[in-house]
């Protein structure tokens, strides 16, 4: 299960990184990335939920990591959730708060991955 958690952690970072690139390209091109961006961000959020759930299962099974590892993971989940909720509440430029949340979550997920390797 630890291997699954590690591989999924890499997948989360890659998915969030791809979303950040997508958002940057959209911003530079001055185009809305469309509803597909929001759906992809939601899918990445589901991956983060799964990752956090597996982490809690591993913690319950006695696998210990530094406290920051858990903090980074839970914060990434929270930031994504807030960004998606905020984005859905807007009538215009819904993707902007989602993109910001994805960028912050990327940093947190990358830090969680690094602290989990120790």
C-alpha atoms as a PDB file:
ATOM      1  CA  UNK A   1       0.000   0.000   0.000  1.00  0.00           C
ATOM      2  CA  UNK A   2       2.932   2.351   0.599  1.00  0.00           C
ATOM      3  CA  UNK A   3       3.990   1.882  -3.034  1.00  0.00           C
ATOM      4  CA  UNK A   4       0.478   2.779  -4.190  1.00  0.00           C
ATOM      5  CA  UNK A   5       0.544   5.877  -1.975  1.00  0.00           C
ATOM      6  CA  UNK A   6       3.928   6.896  -3.387  1.00  0.00           C
ATOM      7  CA  UNK A   7       2.953   6.333  -7.033  1.00  0.00           C
ATOM      8  CA  UNK A   8      -0.380   8.113  -6.553  1.00  0.00           C
ATOM      9  CA  UNK A   9       1.496  11.006  -4.907  1.00  0.00           C
ATOM     10  CA  UNK A  10       3.624  11.370  -8.018  1.00  0.00           C
ATOM     11  CA  UNK A  11       0.466  11.183 -10.122  1.00  0.00           C
ATOM     12  CA  UNK A  12      -1.159  13.949  -8.077  1.00  0.00           C
ATOM     13  CA  UNK A  13       1.856  16.227  -8.557  1.00  0.00           C
ATOM     14  CA  UNK A  14       1.924  15.518 -12.305  1.00  0.00           C
ATOM     15  CA  UNK A  15      -1.837  16.117 -12.655  1.00  0.00           C
ATOM     16  CA  UNK A  16      -1.717  19.367 -10.707  1.00  0.00           C
ATOM     17  CA  UNK A  17       1.363  20.468 -12.666  1.00  0.00           C
ATOM     18  CA  UNK A  18      -0.419  19.823 -15.957  1.00  0.00           C
ATOM     19  CA  UNK A  19      -3.367  21.904 -14.744  1.00  0.00           C
ATOM     20  CA  UNK A  20      -1.044  24.768 -13.813  1.00  0.00           C
ATOM     21  CA  UNK A  21       0.508  24.682 -17.286  1.00  0.00           C
ATOM     22  CA  UNK A  22      -2.988  24.602 -18.812  1.00  0.00           C
ATOM     23  CA  UNK A  23      -4.001  27.664 -16.775  1.00  0.00           C
ATOM     24  CA  UNK A  24      -0.824  29.569 -17.684  1.00  0.00           C
ATOM     25  CA  UNK A  25      -1.300  28.845 -21.385  1.00  0.00           C
ATOM     26  CA  UNK A  26      -4.928  29.991 -21.159  1.00  0.00           C
ATOM     27  CA  UNK A  27      -3.919  33.177 -19.365  1.00  0.00           C
ATOM     28  CA  UNK A  28      -1.156  33.995 -21.859  1.00  0.00           C
ATOM     29  CA  UNK A  29      -3.522  33.322 -24.768  1.00  0.00           C
ATOM     30  CA  UNK A  30      -6.211  35.401 -22.997  1.00  0.00           C
ATOM     31  CA  UNK A  31      -8.688  32.575 -23.382  1.00  0.00           C
ATOM     32  CA  UNK A  32     -10.959  30.827 -20.954  1.00  0.00           C
ATOM     33  CA  UNK A  33      -9.759  27.226 -20.588  1.00  0.00           C
ATOM     34  CA  UNK A  34     -13.384  26.087 -20.644  1.00  0.00           C
ATOM     35  CA  UNK A  35     -15.441  23.755 -18.542  1.00  0.00           C
ATOM     36  CA  UNK A  36     -12.974  20.933 -19.202  1.00  0.00           C
ATOM     37  CA  UNK A  37     -10.459  22.715 -16.973  1.00  0.00           C
ATOM     38  CA  UNK A  38     -12.892  22.776 -14.060  1.00  0.00           C
ATOM     39  CA  UNK A  39     -13.733  19.103 -14.571  1.00  0.00           C
ATOM     40  CA  UNK A  40     -10.041  18.208 -14.737  1.00  0.00           C
ATOM     41  CA  UNK A  41      -9.420  20.163 -11.519  1.00  0.00           C
ATOM     42  CA  UNK A  42     -12.274  18.266  -9.879  1.00  0.00           C
ATOM     43  CA  UNK A  43     -10.751  14.972 -11.076  1.00  0.00           C
ATOM     44  CA  UNK A  44      -7.408  16.017  -9.594  1.00  0.00           C
ATOM     45  CA  UNK A  45      -9.264  16.822  -6.377  1.00  0.00           C
ATOM     46  CA  UNK A  46     -10.645  13.280  -6.338  1.00  0.00           C
ATOM     47  CA  UNK A  47      -7.084  11.980  -6.683  1.00  0.00           C
ATOM     48  CA  UNK A  48      -6.040  14.119  -3.713  1.00  0.00           C
ATOM     49  CA  UNK A  49      -8.989  12.789  -1.665  1.00  0.00           C
ATOM     50  CA  UNK A  50      -7.938   9.244  -2.524  1.00  0.00           C
ATOM     51  CA  UNK A  51      -4.328  10.038  -1.661  1.00  0.00           C
ATOM     52  CA  UNK A  52      -5.270  11.511   1.725  1.00  0.00           C
ATOM     53  CA  UNK A  53      -7.548   8.535   2.476  1.00  0.00           C
ATOM     54  CA  UNK A  54      -4.760   6.067   1.703  1.00  0.00           C
ATOM     55  CA  UNK A  55      -2.424   8.151   3.871  1.00  0.00           C
ATOM     56  CA  UNK A  56      -4.799   7.901   6.813  1.00  0.00           C
ATOM     57  CA  UNK A  57      -5.104   4.139   6.300  1.00  0.00           C
ATOM     58  CA  UNK A  58      -1.316   3.865   6.330  1.00  0.00           C
ATOM     59  CA  UNK A  59      -1.116   6.045   9.434  1.00  0.00           C
ATOM     60  CA  UNK A  60      -3.674   3.817  11.137  1.00  0.00           C
ATOM     61  CA  UNK A  61      -1.592   0.778  10.164  1.00  0.00           C
ATOM     62  CA  UNK A  62       1.404   2.221  11.966  1.00  0.00           C
ATOM     63  CA  UNK A  63       3.344   3.831   9.122  1.00  0.00           C
ATOM     64  CA  UNK A  64       4.700   7.090  10.481  1.00  0.00           C
ATOM     65  CA  UNK A  65       5.929  10.103   8.559  1.00  0.00           C
ATOM     66  CA  UNK A  66       6.895  13.618   9.713  1.00  0.00           C
ATOM     67  CA  UNK A  67       3.927  15.698  10.881  1.00  0.00           C
ATOM     68  CA  UNK A  68       4.489  18.167   8.024  1.00  0.00           C
ATOM     69  CA  UNK A  69       3.772  15.373   5.542  1.00  0.00           C
ATOM     70  CA  UNK A  70       0.224  15.041   6.881  1.00  0.00           C
ATOM     71  CA  UNK A  71      -0.250  18.790   7.167  1.00  0.00           C
ATOM     72  CA  UNK A  72       0.789  19.398   3.553  1.00  0.00           C
ATOM     73  CA  UNK A  73      -1.544  16.667   2.281  1.00  0.00           C
ATOM     74  CA  UNK A  74      -4.588  17.858   4.203  1.00  0.00           C
ATOM     75  CA  UNK A  75      -3.911  21.503   3.298  1.00  0.00           C
ATOM     76  CA  UNK A  76      -3.640  20.601  -0.403  1.00  0.00           C
ATOM     77  CA  UNK A  77      -7.042  18.949  -0.159  1.00  0.00           C
ATOM     78  CA  UNK A  78      -8.545  21.938   1.648  1.00  0.00           C
ATOM     79  CA  UNK A  79      -7.112  24.515  -0.743  1.00  0.00           C
ATOM     80  CA  UNK A  80      -8.422  22.622  -3.765  1.00  0.00           C
ATOM     81  CA  UNK A  81     -11.843  22.305  -2.187  1.00  0.00           C
ATOM     82  CA  UNK A  82     -12.053  26.016  -1.412  1.00  0.00           C
ATOM     83  CA  UNK A  83     -10.843  26.964  -4.892  1.00  0.00           C
ATOM     84  CA  UNK A  84     -13.391  24.733  -6.600  1.00  0.00           C
ATOM     85  CA  UNK A  85     -16.244  26.016  -4.421  1.00  0.00           C
ATOM     86  CA  UNK A  86     -15.219  29.630  -5.026  1.00  0.00           C
ATOM     87  CA  UNK A  87     -14.863  29.063  -8.754  1.00  0.00           C
ATOM     88  CA  UNK A  88     -18.283  27.491  -9.024  1.00  0.00           C
ATOM     89  CA  UNK A  89     -19.870  30.400  -7.170  1.00  0.00           C
ATOM     90  CA  UNK A  90     -18.686  32.957  -9.734  1.00  0.00           C
ATOM     91  CA  UNK A  91     -20.495  33.874 -12.922  1.00  0.00           C
ATOM     92  CA  UNK A  92     -17.388  35.085 -14.767  1.00  0.00           C
ATOM     93  CA  UNK A  93     -13.787  33.866 -14.823  1.00  0.00           C
ATOM     94  CA  UNK A  94     -14.724  30.825 -12.762  1.00  0.00           C
ATOM     95  CA  UNK A  95     -11.443  29.175 -13.629  1.00  0.00           C
ATOM     96  CA  UNK A  96      -9.216  31.815 -11.998  1.00  0.00           C
ATOM     97  CA  UNK A  97      -9.720  30.846  -8.318  1.00  0.00           C
ATOM     98  CA  UNK A  98      -9.550  27.209  -9.332  1.00  0.00           C
ATOM     99  CA  UNK A  99      -6.231  27.799 -11.111  1.00  0.00           C
ATOM    100  CA  UNK A 100      -4.820  29.653  -8.105  1.00  0.00           C
ATOM    101  CA  UNK A 101      -5.943  26.855  -5.791  1.00  0.00           C
ATOM    102  CA  UNK A 102      -4.407  24.259  -8.110  1.00  0.00           C
ATOM    103  CA  UNK A 103      -1.071  26.125  -8.099  1.00  0.00           C
ATOM    104  CA  UNK A 104      -1.037  26.334  -4.297  1.00  0.00           C
ATOM    105  CA  UNK A 105      -2.109  22.691  -4.005  1.00  0.00           C
ATOM    106  CA  UNK A 106       0.715  21.727  -6.384  1.00  0.00           C
ATOM    107  CA  UNK A 107       3.268  23.305  -4.052  1.00  0.00           C
ATOM    108  CA  UNK A 108       1.720  21.621  -1.023  1.00  0.00           C
ATOM    109  CA  UNK A 109       1.492  18.226  -2.740  1.00  0.00           C
ATOM    110  CA  UNK A 110       5.105  18.454  -3.903  1.00  0.00           C
ATOM    111  CA  UNK A 111       6.199  19.273  -0.349  1.00  0.00           C
ATOM    112  CA  UNK A 112       4.110  16.376   0.993  1.00  0.00           C
ATOM    113  CA  UNK A 113       5.805  14.067  -1.484  1.00  0.00           C
ATOM    114  CA  UNK A 114       9.278  15.250  -0.496  1.00  0.00           C
ATOM    115  CA  UNK A 115       8.646  15.101   3.265  1.00  0.00           C
ATOM    116  CA  UNK A 116       7.106  11.641   2.872  1.00  0.00           C
ATOM    117  CA  UNK A 117      10.296  10.289   1.324  1.00  0.00           C
ATOM    118  CA  UNK A 118      12.302  10.924   4.463  1.00  0.00           C
END
